[in-house]
Amino acid sequence: AQNTEMGLSLVALQFIRALYDVEDEATSLS
């Protein structure tokens, strides 16, 4: 959706990236 509405799409992508940042920390955990 960036091709038609970049600003809001990037905000949504950053929320999702923040979720994946947590997953990166959790990789080696039980």
PDB file of all heavy atoms in Angstrom:
ATOM      1  N   ALA A   1       0.815  -1.219   0.000  1.00  0.00           N
ATOM      2  CA  ALA A   1       0.000   0.000   0.000  1.00  0.00           C
ATOM      3  C   ALA A   1       0.844   1.263   0.000  1.00  0.00           C
ATOM      4  O   ALA A   1       0.298   2.367  -0.148  1.00  0.00           O
ATOM      5  CB  ALA A   1      -0.939   0.000   1.210  1.00  0.00           C
ATOM      6  N   GLN A   2       2.160   1.150   0.153  1.00  0.00           N
ATOM      7  CA  GLN A   2       3.014   2.339   0.133  1.00  0.00           C
ATOM      8  C   GLN A   2       2.910   3.109  -1.173  1.00  0.00           C
ATOM      9  O   GLN A   2       3.100   4.323  -1.205  1.00  0.00           O
ATOM     10  CB  GLN A   2       4.479   1.931   0.313  1.00  0.00           C
ATOM     11  CG  GLN A   2       4.838   1.406   1.677  1.00  0.00           C
ATOM     12  CD  GLN A   2       6.305   1.024   1.710  1.00  0.00           C
ATOM     13  OE1 GLN A   2       7.159   1.829   2.078  1.00  0.00           O
ATOM     14  NE2 GLN A   2       6.611  -0.191   1.302  1.00  0.00           N
ATOM     15  N   ASN A   3       2.601   2.405  -2.258  1.00  0.00           N
ATOM     16  CA  ASN A   3       2.586   3.056  -3.568  1.00  0.00           C
ATOM     17  C   ASN A   3       1.480   4.102  -3.674  1.00  0.00           C
ATOM     18  O   ASN A   3       1.580   5.022  -4.493  1.00  0.00           O
ATOM     19  CB  ASN A   3       2.398   1.997  -4.653  1.00  0.00           C
ATOM     20  CG  ASN A   3       3.491   0.949  -4.623  1.00  0.00           C
ATOM     21  OD1 ASN A   3       4.657   1.286  -4.714  1.00  0.00           O
ATOM     22  ND2 ASN A   3       3.119  -0.310  -4.474  1.00  0.00           N
ATOM     23  N   THR A   4       0.428   3.964  -2.866  1.00  0.00           N
ATOM     24  CA  THR A   4      -0.676   4.922  -2.944  1.00  0.00           C
ATOM     25  C   THR A   4      -0.810   5.775  -1.682  1.00  0.00           C
ATOM     26  O   THR A   4      -1.380   6.854  -1.738  1.00  0.00           O
ATOM     27  CB  THR A   4      -2.002   4.179  -3.178  1.00  0.00           C
ATOM     28  OG1 THR A   4      -2.182   3.191  -2.150  1.00  0.00           O
ATOM     29  CG2 THR A   4      -1.987   3.480  -4.537  1.00  0.00           C
ATOM     30  N   GLU A   5      -0.334   5.296  -0.545  1.00  0.00           N
ATOM     31  CA  GLU A   5      -0.433   6.044   0.712  1.00  0.00           C
ATOM     32  C   GLU A   5       0.782   5.717   1.560  1.00  0.00           C
ATOM     33  O   GLU A   5       0.726   4.893   2.475  1.00  0.00           O
ATOM     34  CB  GLU A   5      -1.729   5.662   1.441  1.00  0.00           C
ATOM     35  CG  GLU A   5      -2.017   6.480   2.692  1.00  0.00           C
ATOM     36  CD  GLU A   5      -2.141   7.961   2.395  1.00  0.00           C
ATOM     37  OE1 GLU A   5      -3.101   8.359   1.725  1.00  0.00           O
ATOM     38  OE2 GLU A   5      -1.239   8.706   2.833  1.00  0.00           O
ATOM     39  N   MET A   6       1.896   6.383   1.263  1.00  0.00           N
ATOM     40  CA  MET A   6       3.153   5.996   1.892  1.00  0.00           C
ATOM     41  C   MET A   6       3.183   6.314   3.376  1.00  0.00           C
ATOM     42  O   MET A   6       3.600   5.490   4.198  1.00  0.00           O
ATOM     43  CB  MET A   6       4.326   6.683   1.190  1.00  0.00           C
ATOM     44  CG  MET A   6       5.673   6.381   1.854  1.00  0.00           C
ATOM     45  SD  MET A   6       7.083   6.997   0.930  1.00  0.00           S
ATOM     46  CE  MET A   6       7.110   5.807  -0.414  1.00  0.00           C
ATOM     47  N   GLY A   7       2.754   7.503   3.771  1.00  0.00           N
ATOM     48  CA  GLY A   7       2.891   7.932   5.159  1.00  0.00           C
ATOM     49  C   GLY A   7       2.242   6.986   6.143  1.00  0.00           C
ATOM     50  O   GLY A   7       2.887   6.450   7.052  1.00  0.00           O
ATOM     51  N   LEU A   8       0.949   6.745   5.978  1.00  0.00           N
ATOM     52  CA  LEU A   8       0.223   5.883   6.905  1.00  0.00           C
ATOM     53  C   LEU A   8       0.683   4.432   6.808  1.00  0.00           C
ATOM     54  O   LEU A   8       0.711   3.717   7.813  1.00  0.00           O
ATOM     55  CB  LEU A   8      -1.282   5.978   6.633  1.00  0.00           C
ATOM     56  CG  LEU A   8      -1.906   7.351   6.883  1.00  0.00           C
ATOM     57  CD1 LEU A   8      -3.375   7.344   6.493  1.00  0.00           C
ATOM     58  CD2 LEU A   8      -1.747   7.763   8.340  1.00  0.00           C
ATOM     59  N   SER A   9       1.039   4.005   5.609  1.00  0.00           N
ATOM     60  CA  SER A   9       1.518   2.629   5.452  1.00  0.00           C
ATOM     61  C   SER A   9       2.817   2.420   6.223  1.00  0.00           C
ATOM     62  O   SER A   9       3.018   1.376   6.862  1.00  0.00           O
ATOM     63  CB  SER A   9       1.736   2.310   3.965  1.00  0.00           C
ATOM     64  OG  SER A   9       0.530   2.402   3.242  1.00  0.00           O
ATOM     65  N   LEU A  10       3.701   3.413   6.190  1.00  0.00           N
ATOM     66  CA  LEU A  10       4.952   3.289   6.920  1.00  0.00           C
ATOM     67  C   LEU A  10       4.731   3.258   8.426  1.00  0.00           C
ATOM     68  O   LEU A  10       5.458   2.569   9.156  1.00  0.00           O
ATOM     69  CB  LEU A  10       5.884   4.441   6.552  1.00  0.00           C
ATOM     70  CG  LEU A  10       6.503   4.381   5.154  1.00  0.00           C
ATOM     71  CD1 LEU A  10       7.280   5.656   4.863  1.00  0.00           C
ATOM     72  CD2 LEU A  10       7.408   3.169   5.019  1.00  0.00           C
ATOM     73  N   VAL A  11       3.732   3.979   8.899  1.00  0.00           N
ATOM     74  CA  VAL A  11       3.430   3.935  10.336  1.00  0.00           C
ATOM     75  C   VAL A  11       2.994   2.529  10.731  1.00  0.00           C
ATOM     76  O   VAL A  11       3.444   1.972  11.740  1.00  0.00           O
ATOM     77  CB  VAL A  11       2.344   4.967  10.694  1.00  0.00           C
ATOM     78  CG1 VAL A  11       1.955   4.827  12.158  1.00  0.00           C
ATOM     79  CG2 VAL A  11       2.839   6.379  10.421  1.00  0.00           C
ATOM     80  N   ALA A  12       2.102   1.938   9.919  1.00  0.00           N
ATOM     81  CA  ALA A  12       1.662   0.571  10.206  1.00  0.00           C
ATOM     82  C   ALA A  12       2.839  -0.399  10.163  1.00  0.00           C
ATOM     83  O   ALA A  12       2.962  -1.292  11.008  1.00  0.00           O
ATOM     84  CB  ALA A  12       0.590   0.160   9.197  1.00  0.00           C
ATOM     85  N   LEU A  13       3.714  -0.217   9.200  1.00  0.00           N
ATOM     86  CA  LEU A  13       4.878  -1.102   9.091  1.00  0.00           C
ATOM     87  C   LEU A  13       5.793  -0.965  10.299  1.00  0.00           C
ATOM     88  O   LEU A  13       6.417  -1.948  10.728  1.00  0.00           O
ATOM     89  CB  LEU A  13       5.647  -0.784   7.805  1.00  0.00           C
ATOM     90  CG  LEU A  13       4.961  -1.199   6.493  1.00  0.00           C
ATOM     91  CD1 LEU A  13       5.715  -0.630   5.299  1.00  0.00           C
ATOM     92  CD2 LEU A  13       4.877  -2.715   6.385  1.00  0.00           C
ATOM     93  N   GLN A  14       5.872   0.245  10.868  1.00  0.00           N
ATOM     94  CA  GLN A  14       6.732   0.414  12.029  1.00  0.00           C
ATOM     95  C   GLN A  14       6.142  -0.267  13.265  1.00  0.00           C
ATOM     96  O   GLN A  14       6.881  -0.815  14.092  1.00  0.00           O
ATOM     97  CB  GLN A  14       6.974   1.896  12.302  1.00  0.00           C
ATOM     98  CG  GLN A  14       7.873   2.146  13.497  1.00  0.00           C
ATOM     99  CD  GLN A  14       9.176   1.363  13.409  1.00  0.00           C
ATOM    100  OE1 GLN A  14       9.710   1.162  12.310  1.00  0.00           O
ATOM    101  NE2 GLN A  14       9.673   0.894  14.534  1.00  0.00           N
ATOM    102  N   PHE A  15       4.819  -0.241  13.402  1.00  0.00           N
ATOM    103  CA  PHE A  15       4.198  -0.992  14.498  1.00  0.00           C
ATOM    104  C   PHE A  15       4.561  -2.472  14.385  1.00  0.00           C
ATOM    105  O   PHE A  15       4.917  -3.121  15.374  1.00  0.00           O
ATOM    106  CB  PHE A  15       2.675  -0.827  14.453  1.00  0.00           C
ATOM    107  CG  PHE A  15       2.167   0.376  15.203  1.00  0.00           C
ATOM    108  CD1 PHE A  15       1.646   1.461  14.519  1.00  0.00           C
ATOM    109  CD2 PHE A  15       2.205   0.415  16.594  1.00  0.00           C
ATOM    110  CE1 PHE A  15       1.166   2.565  15.206  1.00  0.00           C
ATOM    111  CE2 PHE A  15       1.736   1.521  17.279  1.00  0.00           C
ATOM    112  CZ  PHE A  15       1.212   2.604  16.592  1.00  0.00           C
ATOM    113  N   ILE A  16       4.457  -2.995  13.186  1.00  0.00           N
ATOM    114  CA  ILE A  16       4.747  -4.419  12.982  1.00  0.00           C
ATOM    115  C   ILE A  16       6.230  -4.692  13.201  1.00  0.00           C
ATOM    116  O   ILE A  16       6.615  -5.722  13.766  1.00  0.00           O
ATOM    117  CB  ILE A  16       4.292  -4.857  11.581  1.00  0.00           C
ATOM    118  CG1 ILE A  16       2.776  -4.687  11.444  1.00  0.00           C
ATOM    119  CG2 ILE A  16       4.679  -6.308  11.308  1.00  0.00           C
ATOM    120  CD1 ILE A  16       2.241  -4.968  10.063  1.00  0.00           C
ATOM    121  N   ARG A  17       7.065  -3.767  12.781  1.00  0.00           N
ATOM    122  CA  ARG A  17       8.497  -3.956  13.002  1.00  0.00           C
ATOM    123  C   ARG A  17       8.814  -3.985  14.491  1.00  0.00           C
ATOM    124  O   ARG A  17       9.663  -4.761  14.948  1.00  0.00           O
ATOM    125  CB  ARG A  17       9.293  -2.840  12.330  1.00  0.00           C
ATOM    126  CG  ARG A  17      10.770  -2.916  12.685  1.00  0.00           C
ATOM    127  CD  ARG A  17      11.567  -1.824  12.053  1.00  0.00           C
ATOM    128  NE  ARG A  17      12.794  -1.613  12.818  1.00  0.00           N
ATOM    129  CZ  ARG A  17      13.754  -0.792  12.432  1.00  0.00           C
ATOM    130  NH1 ARG A  17      13.651  -0.119  11.317  1.00  0.00           N
ATOM    131  NH2 ARG A  17      14.830  -0.642  13.175  1.00  0.00           N
ATOM    132  N   ALA A  18       8.118  -3.155  15.273  1.00  0.00           N
ATOM    133  CA  ALA A  18       8.342  -3.166  16.725  1.00  0.00           C
ATOM    134  C   ALA A  18       7.978  -4.522  17.319  1.00  0.00           C
ATOM    135  O   ALA A  18       8.638  -4.997  18.247  1.00  0.00           O
ATOM    136  CB  ALA A  18       7.517  -2.058  17.383  1.00  0.00           C
ATOM    137  N   LEU A  19       6.933  -5.157  16.784  1.00  0.00           N
ATOM    138  CA  LEU A  19       6.566  -6.495  17.249  1.00  0.00           C
ATOM    139  C   LEU A  19       7.658  -7.504  16.911  1.00  0.00           C
ATOM    140  O   LEU A  19       7.973  -8.391  17.714  1.00  0.00           O
ATOM    141  CB  LEU A  19       5.240  -6.916  16.613  1.00  0.00           C
ATOM    142  CG  LEU A  19       4.005  -6.108  17.016  1.00  0.00           C
ATOM    143  CD1 LEU A  19       2.803  -6.508  16.160  1.00  0.00           C
ATOM    144  CD2 LEU A  19       3.685  -6.312  18.493  1.00  0.00           C
ATOM    145  N   TYR A  20       8.244  -7.371  15.733  1.00  0.00           N
ATOM    146  CA  TYR A  20       9.313  -8.286  15.342  1.00  0.00           C
ATOM    147  C   TYR A  20      10.599  -8.023  16.126  1.00  0.00           C
ATOM    148  O   TYR A  20      11.407  -8.943  16.320  1.00  0.00           O
ATOM    149  CB  TYR A  20       9.574  -8.187  13.837  1.00  0.00           C
ATOM    150  CG  TYR A  20       8.687  -9.092  13.016  1.00  0.00           C
ATOM    151  CD1 TYR A  20       7.461  -8.652  12.539  1.00  0.00           C
ATOM    152  CD2 TYR A  20       9.067 -10.402  12.750  1.00  0.00           C
ATOM    153  CE1 TYR A  20       6.635  -9.491  11.793  1.00  0.00           C
ATOM    154  CE2 TYR A  20       8.265 -11.242  12.002  1.00  0.00           C
ATOM    155  CZ  TYR A  20       7.044 -10.780  11.526  1.00  0.00           C
ATOM    156  OH  TYR A  20       6.239 -11.619  10.799  1.00  0.00           O
ATOM    157  N   ASP A  21      10.799  -6.787  16.576  1.00  0.00           N
ATOM    158  CA  ASP A  21      11.952  -6.509  17.432  1.00  0.00           C
ATOM    159  C   ASP A  21      11.870  -7.321  18.718  1.00  0.00           C
ATOM    160  O   ASP A  21      12.879  -7.841  19.211  1.00  0.00           O
ATOM    161  CB  ASP A  21      12.021  -5.016  17.756  1.00  0.00           C
ATOM    162  CG  ASP A  21      12.550  -4.193  16.599  1.00  0.00           C
ATOM    163  OD1 ASP A  21      13.228  -4.772  15.724  1.00  0.00           O
ATOM    164  OD2 ASP A  21      12.286  -2.977  16.553  1.00  0.00           O
ATOM    165  N   VAL A  22      10.672  -7.431  19.257  1.00  0.00           N
ATOM    166  CA  VAL A  22      10.481  -8.244  20.465  1.00  0.00           C
ATOM    167  C   VAL A  22      10.785  -9.705  20.164  1.00  0.00           C
ATOM    168  O   VAL A  22      11.414 -10.404  20.968  1.00  0.00           O
ATOM    169  CB  VAL A  22       9.043  -8.087  21.001  1.00  0.00           C
ATOM    170  CG1 VAL A  22       8.840  -8.958  22.244  1.00  0.00           C
ATOM    171  CG2 VAL A  22       8.742  -6.631  21.325  1.00  0.00           C
ATOM    172  N   GLU A  23      10.343 -10.169  18.997  1.00  0.00           N
ATOM    173  CA  GLU A  23      10.607 -11.559  18.622  1.00  0.00           C
ATOM    174  C   GLU A  23      12.098 -11.833  18.460  1.00  0.00           C
ATOM    175  O   GLU A  23      12.574 -12.932  18.760  1.00  0.00           O
ATOM    176  CB  GLU A  23       9.865 -11.905  17.326  1.00  0.00           C
ATOM    177  CG  GLU A  23       8.350 -11.861  17.463  1.00  0.00           C
ATOM    178  CD  GLU A  23       7.847 -12.735  18.585  1.00  0.00           C
ATOM    179  OE1 GLU A  23       8.101 -13.954  18.557  1.00  0.00           O
ATOM    180  OE2 GLU A  23       7.218 -12.188  19.516  1.00  0.00           O
ATOM    181  N   ASP A  24      12.845 -10.846  17.981  1.00  0.00           N
ATOM    182  CA  ASP A  24      14.289 -11.013  17.871  1.00  0.00           C
ATOM    183  C   ASP A  24      14.923 -11.238  19.247  1.00  0.00           C
ATOM    184  O   ASP A  24      15.834 -12.055  19.403  1.00  0.00           O
ATOM    185  CB  ASP A  24      14.917  -9.785  17.198  1.00  0.00           C
ATOM    186  CG  ASP A  24      14.575  -9.703  15.728  1.00  0.00           C
ATOM    187  OD1 ASP A  24      14.167 -10.730  15.160  1.00  0.00           O
ATOM    188  OD2 ASP A  24      14.704  -8.603  15.146  1.00  0.00           O
ATOM    189  N   GLU A  25      14.416 -10.516  20.242  1.00  0.00           N
ATOM    190  CA  GLU A  25      14.933 -10.694  21.597  1.00  0.00           C
ATOM    191  C   GLU A  25      14.526 -12.052  22.170  1.00  0.00           C
ATOM    192  O   GLU A  25      15.244 -12.644  22.974  1.00  0.00           O
ATOM    193  CB  GLU A  25      14.391  -9.592  22.512  1.00  0.00           C
ATOM    194  CG  GLU A  25      14.881  -8.188  22.171  1.00  0.00           C
ATOM    195  CD  GLU A  25      14.324  -7.163  23.138  1.00  0.00           C
ATOM    196  OE1 GLU A  25      13.897  -7.553  24.240  1.00  0.00           O
ATOM    197  OE2 GLU A  25      14.309  -5.969  22.783  1.00  0.00           O
ATOM    198  N   ALA A  26      13.364 -12.567  21.738  1.00  0.00           N
ATOM    199  CA  ALA A  26      12.822 -13.784  22.331  1.00  0.00           C
ATOM    200  C   ALA A  26      13.348 -15.058  21.682  1.00  0.00           C
ATOM    201  O   ALA A  26      13.014 -16.154  22.136  1.00  0.00           O
ATOM    202  CB  ALA A  26      11.289 -13.763  22.224  1.00  0.00           C
ATOM    203  N   THR A  27      14.175 -14.931  20.657  1.00  0.00           N
ATOM    204  CA  THR A  27      14.604 -16.110  19.899  1.00  0.00           C
ATOM    205  C   THR A  27      15.289 -17.150  20.773  1.00  0.00           C
ATOM    206  O   THR A  27      15.015 -18.349  20.675  1.00  0.00           O
ATOM    207  CB  THR A  27      15.549 -15.683  18.760  1.00  0.00           C
ATOM    208  OG1 THR A  27      14.868 -14.766  17.900  1.00  0.00           O
ATOM    209  CG2 THR A  27      15.996 -16.893  17.951  1.00  0.00           C
ATOM    210  N   SER A  28      16.178 -16.713  21.644  1.00  0.00           N
ATOM    211  CA  SER A  28      16.975 -17.649  22.442  1.00  0.00           C
ATOM    212  C   SER A  28      16.346 -17.974  23.796  1.00  0.00           C
ATOM    213  O   SER A  28      16.965 -18.663  24.605  1.00  0.00           O
ATOM    214  CB  SER A  28      18.376 -17.070  22.662  1.00  0.00           C
ATOM    215  OG  SER A  28      18.291 -15.814  23.320  1.00  0.00           O
ATOM    216  N   LEU A  29      15.141 -17.503  24.056  1.00  0.00           N
ATOM    217  CA  LEU A  29      14.497 -17.717  25.352  1.00  0.00           C
ATOM    218  C   LEU A  29      13.697 -19.001  25.370  1.00  0.00           C
ATOM    219  O   LEU A  29      13.353 -19.559  24.323  1.00  0.00           O
ATOM    220  CB  LEU A  29      13.588 -16.529  25.680  1.00  0.00           C
ATOM    221  CG  LEU A  29      14.234 -15.142  25.726  1.00  0.00           C
ATOM    222  CD1 LEU A  29      13.190 -14.091  26.051  1.00  0.00           C
ATOM    223  CD2 LEU A  29      15.373 -15.103  26.735  1.00  0.00           C
ATOM    224  N   SER A  30      13.374 -19.459  26.552  1.00  0.00           N
ATOM    225  CA  SER A  30      12.492 -20.607  26.694  1.00  0.00           C
ATOM    226  C   SER A  30      11.064 -20.197  26.381  1.00  0.00           C
ATOM    227  O   SER A  30      10.748 -19.003  26.260  1.00  0.00           O
ATOM    228  CB  SER A  30      12.577 -21.169  28.112  1.00  0.00           C
ATOM    229  OG  SER A  30      12.058 -20.231  29.048  1.00  0.00           O
TER     230      SER A  30
END
